[in-house]
Amino acid sequence: MVAEILDYTLVTIGVVTAVLIFWKTIELFLPGIVRELRIEVRATSTEHLDELLERAERGLPLLATIAATAPFVGLAATVLHIMNALEMVGGTSVETTIIAGPIATALHSTLLGLASAVPAAAAYNLMARRLQLAENRARRALSRKAAGAETGGEA
């Protein structure tokens, strides 16, 4: 029973991962569809930049958490499925047809965990890098703007 709950949890985690990756990809890599990402153009001060970055980073901690925990949820479900398969065998002679189905289900649990974790980790790293580059460009633009204001010219 617990193994099946974990399997449904893994499917839910996979769906959440796909939705998060889709949402953040549109937001970060396809600017203009949802809103303009160009933080370096939009930021008017360091405080405003911080607000823009906080909004842009929404969802990324959840991706990192999924990447870190999904394999363990898959492993837990795998162990429980294998335990169920071994309990089915009990004291009888081992027949591969008896445990083949539960072992396959156990391996599917592992696959579900990895299928959620690997894309989440890759997406998190790519998106975190994209935001870091945007932040760097914005801070340089704000510095140039401040330097231009100090000298009396336009940046």
Protein backbone atom coordinates (compact mmCIF):
# COMPACT_ATOMS: atom_id res chain seq x y z
CA MET A 1 0.00 0.00 0.00
CA VAL A 2 2.77 2.47 0.92
CA ALA A 3 4.69 1.57 -2.23
CA GLU A 4 1.67 2.39 -4.39
CA ILE A 5 1.25 5.73 -2.62
CA LEU A 6 4.90 6.48 -3.32
CA ASP A 7 4.38 5.54 -6.98
CA TYR A 8 1.49 8.01 -7.25
CA THR A 9 3.63 10.59 -5.48
CA LEU A 10 6.39 10.01 -8.03
CA VAL A 11 3.96 10.52 -10.90
CA THR A 12 2.76 13.75 -9.27
CA ILE A 13 6.36 14.89 -8.78
CA GLY A 14 7.03 14.17 -12.46
CA VAL A 15 4.04 16.25 -13.55
CA VAL A 16 5.02 19.12 -11.23
CA THR A 17 8.56 18.96 -12.59
CA ALA A 18 7.37 19.13 -16.19
CA VAL A 19 5.04 22.06 -15.45
CA LEU A 20 7.74 23.96 -13.56
CA ILE A 21 10.30 23.42 -16.30
CA PHE A 22 7.80 24.53 -18.96
CA TRP A 23 6.80 27.64 -16.98
CA LYS A 24 10.34 28.70 -16.14
CA THR A 25 11.58 28.00 -19.68
CA ILE A 26 8.94 30.29 -21.13
CA GLU A 27 9.67 32.92 -18.51
CA LEU A 28 13.48 32.82 -18.66
CA PHE A 29 14.41 31.67 -22.14
CA LEU A 30 11.56 33.00 -24.27
CA PRO A 31 11.23 36.59 -23.03
CA GLY A 32 8.34 38.55 -24.39
CA ILE A 33 5.88 35.65 -24.38
CA VAL A 34 4.97 35.97 -20.71
CA ARG A 35 6.87 39.13 -19.85
CA GLU A 36 10.13 40.77 -20.74
CA LEU A 37 12.99 39.20 -18.77
CA ARG A 38 15.58 41.81 -19.67
CA ILE A 39 16.29 42.62 -16.07
CA GLU A 40 19.27 44.78 -17.01
CA VAL A 41 16.94 47.12 -18.91
CA ARG A 42 14.11 47.10 -16.39
CA ALA A 43 16.11 47.51 -13.17
CA THR A 44 16.15 51.13 -12.02
CA SER A 45 17.97 50.58 -8.71
CA THR A 46 19.60 47.77 -6.77
CA GLU A 47 16.42 47.43 -4.69
CA HIS A 48 14.32 47.14 -7.83
CA LEU A 49 16.83 44.64 -9.24
CA ASP A 50 16.52 42.52 -6.10
CA GLU A 51 12.71 42.53 -6.44
CA LEU A 52 12.92 41.53 -10.11
CA LEU A 53 15.34 38.70 -9.32
CA GLU A 54 13.18 37.42 -6.46
CA ARG A 55 10.21 37.23 -8.82
CA ALA A 56 12.27 35.55 -11.54
CA GLU A 57 13.65 32.96 -9.09
CA ARG A 58 10.20 31.72 -8.07
CA GLY A 59 9.92 27.98 -8.58
CA LEU A 60 13.65 27.31 -8.73
CA PRO A 61 13.99 26.14 -5.11
CA LEU A 62 11.22 23.62 -5.78
CA LEU A 63 13.12 22.30 -8.81
CA ALA A 64 16.25 21.94 -6.68
CA THR A 65 14.26 20.12 -3.99
CA ILE A 66 12.74 17.74 -6.54
CA ALA A 67 16.17 17.06 -8.01
CA ALA A 68 17.51 16.21 -4.57
CA THR A 69 14.60 14.16 -3.21
CA ALA A 70 12.92 12.37 -6.14
CA PRO A 71 15.60 9.66 -6.41
CA PHE A 72 15.14 8.84 -2.73
CA VAL A 73 11.36 8.60 -3.08
CA GLY A 74 11.91 6.28 -6.06
CA LEU A 75 14.40 4.23 -4.07
CA ALA A 76 11.99 3.92 -1.15
CA ALA A 77 9.22 2.72 -3.47
CA THR A 78 11.64 0.29 -5.11
CA VAL A 79 12.64 -1.21 -1.78
CA LEU A 80 9.01 -1.58 -0.71
CA HIS A 81 8.05 -3.26 -4.01
CA ILE A 82 10.96 -5.69 -3.73
CA MET A 83 10.00 -6.45 -0.13
CA ASN A 84 6.46 -7.20 -1.32
CA ALA A 85 7.83 -9.47 -4.05
CA LEU A 86 9.94 -11.37 -1.56
CA GLU A 87 7.00 -11.72 0.81
CA MET A 88 5.00 -13.26 -2.05
CA VAL A 89 7.63 -15.92 -2.46
CA GLY A 90 7.61 -16.74 1.24
CA GLY A 91 8.54 -20.37 1.89
CA THR A 92 7.77 -21.67 -1.58
CA SER A 93 10.32 -22.46 -4.20
CA VAL A 94 11.33 -19.38 -6.15
CA GLU A 95 9.60 -19.14 -9.48
CA THR A 96 10.53 -16.21 -11.68
CA THR A 97 6.98 -15.66 -12.88
CA ILE A 98 5.86 -14.99 -9.31
CA ILE A 99 8.27 -12.17 -8.66
CA ALA A 100 8.82 -10.83 -12.19
CA GLY A 101 5.84 -8.44 -12.06
CA PRO A 102 6.66 -6.93 -8.64
CA ILE A 103 10.34 -6.58 -9.55
CA ALA A 104 9.40 -4.80 -12.77
CA THR A 105 7.13 -2.49 -10.79
CA ALA A 106 10.01 -1.83 -8.40
CA LEU A 107 12.28 -0.85 -11.26
CA HIS A 108 9.58 1.41 -12.68
CA SER A 109 9.58 3.23 -9.33
CA THR A 110 13.31 3.81 -9.64
CA LEU A 111 12.83 5.06 -13.18
CA LEU A 112 10.05 7.45 -12.13
CA GLY A 113 12.29 8.95 -9.46
CA LEU A 114 15.16 9.44 -11.88
CA ALA A 115 12.86 10.71 -14.63
CA SER A 116 11.81 13.51 -12.29
CA ALA A 117 15.19 14.24 -10.73
CA VAL A 118 17.45 14.40 -13.78
CA PRO A 119 15.42 16.99 -15.76
CA ALA A 120 14.81 18.99 -12.57
CA ALA A 121 18.53 19.13 -11.81
CA ALA A 122 19.43 20.08 -15.38
CA ALA A 123 16.71 22.72 -15.59
CA TYR A 124 17.61 24.17 -12.21
CA ASN A 125 21.27 24.53 -13.16
CA LEU A 126 20.53 26.07 -16.57
CA MET A 127 17.96 28.47 -15.16
CA ALA A 128 20.06 29.48 -12.17
CA ARG A 129 22.92 30.26 -14.58
CA ARG A 130 20.58 32.29 -16.81
CA LEU A 131 19.47 34.36 -13.82
CA GLN A 132 23.06 34.82 -12.65
CA LEU A 133 24.03 36.19 -16.06
CA ALA A 134 21.03 38.53 -16.06
CA GLU A 135 21.92 39.74 -12.57
CA ASN A 136 25.54 40.36 -13.57
CA ARG A 137 24.47 42.36 -16.64
CA ALA A 138 21.96 44.36 -14.57
CA ARG A 139 24.50 45.19 -11.86
CA ARG A 140 27.01 46.33 -14.51
CA ALA A 141 24.34 48.48 -16.18
CA LEU A 142 23.39 50.04 -12.85
CA SER A 143 27.07 50.73 -12.11
CA ARG A 144 27.54 52.39 -15.49
CA LYS A 145 24.40 54.43 -14.91
CA ALA A 146 25.60 55.52 -11.47
CA ALA A 147 29.06 56.37 -12.82
CA GLY A 148 27.47 58.43 -15.59
CA ALA A 149 25.28 60.28 -13.09
CA GLU A 150 28.31 61.08 -10.92
CA THR A 151 30.21 62.56 -13.84
CA GLY A 152 27.18 64.50 -14.99
CA GLY A 153 26.78 62.58 -18.24
CA GLU A 154 24.34 60.00 -19.43
CA ALA A 155 25.13 56.31 -19.09
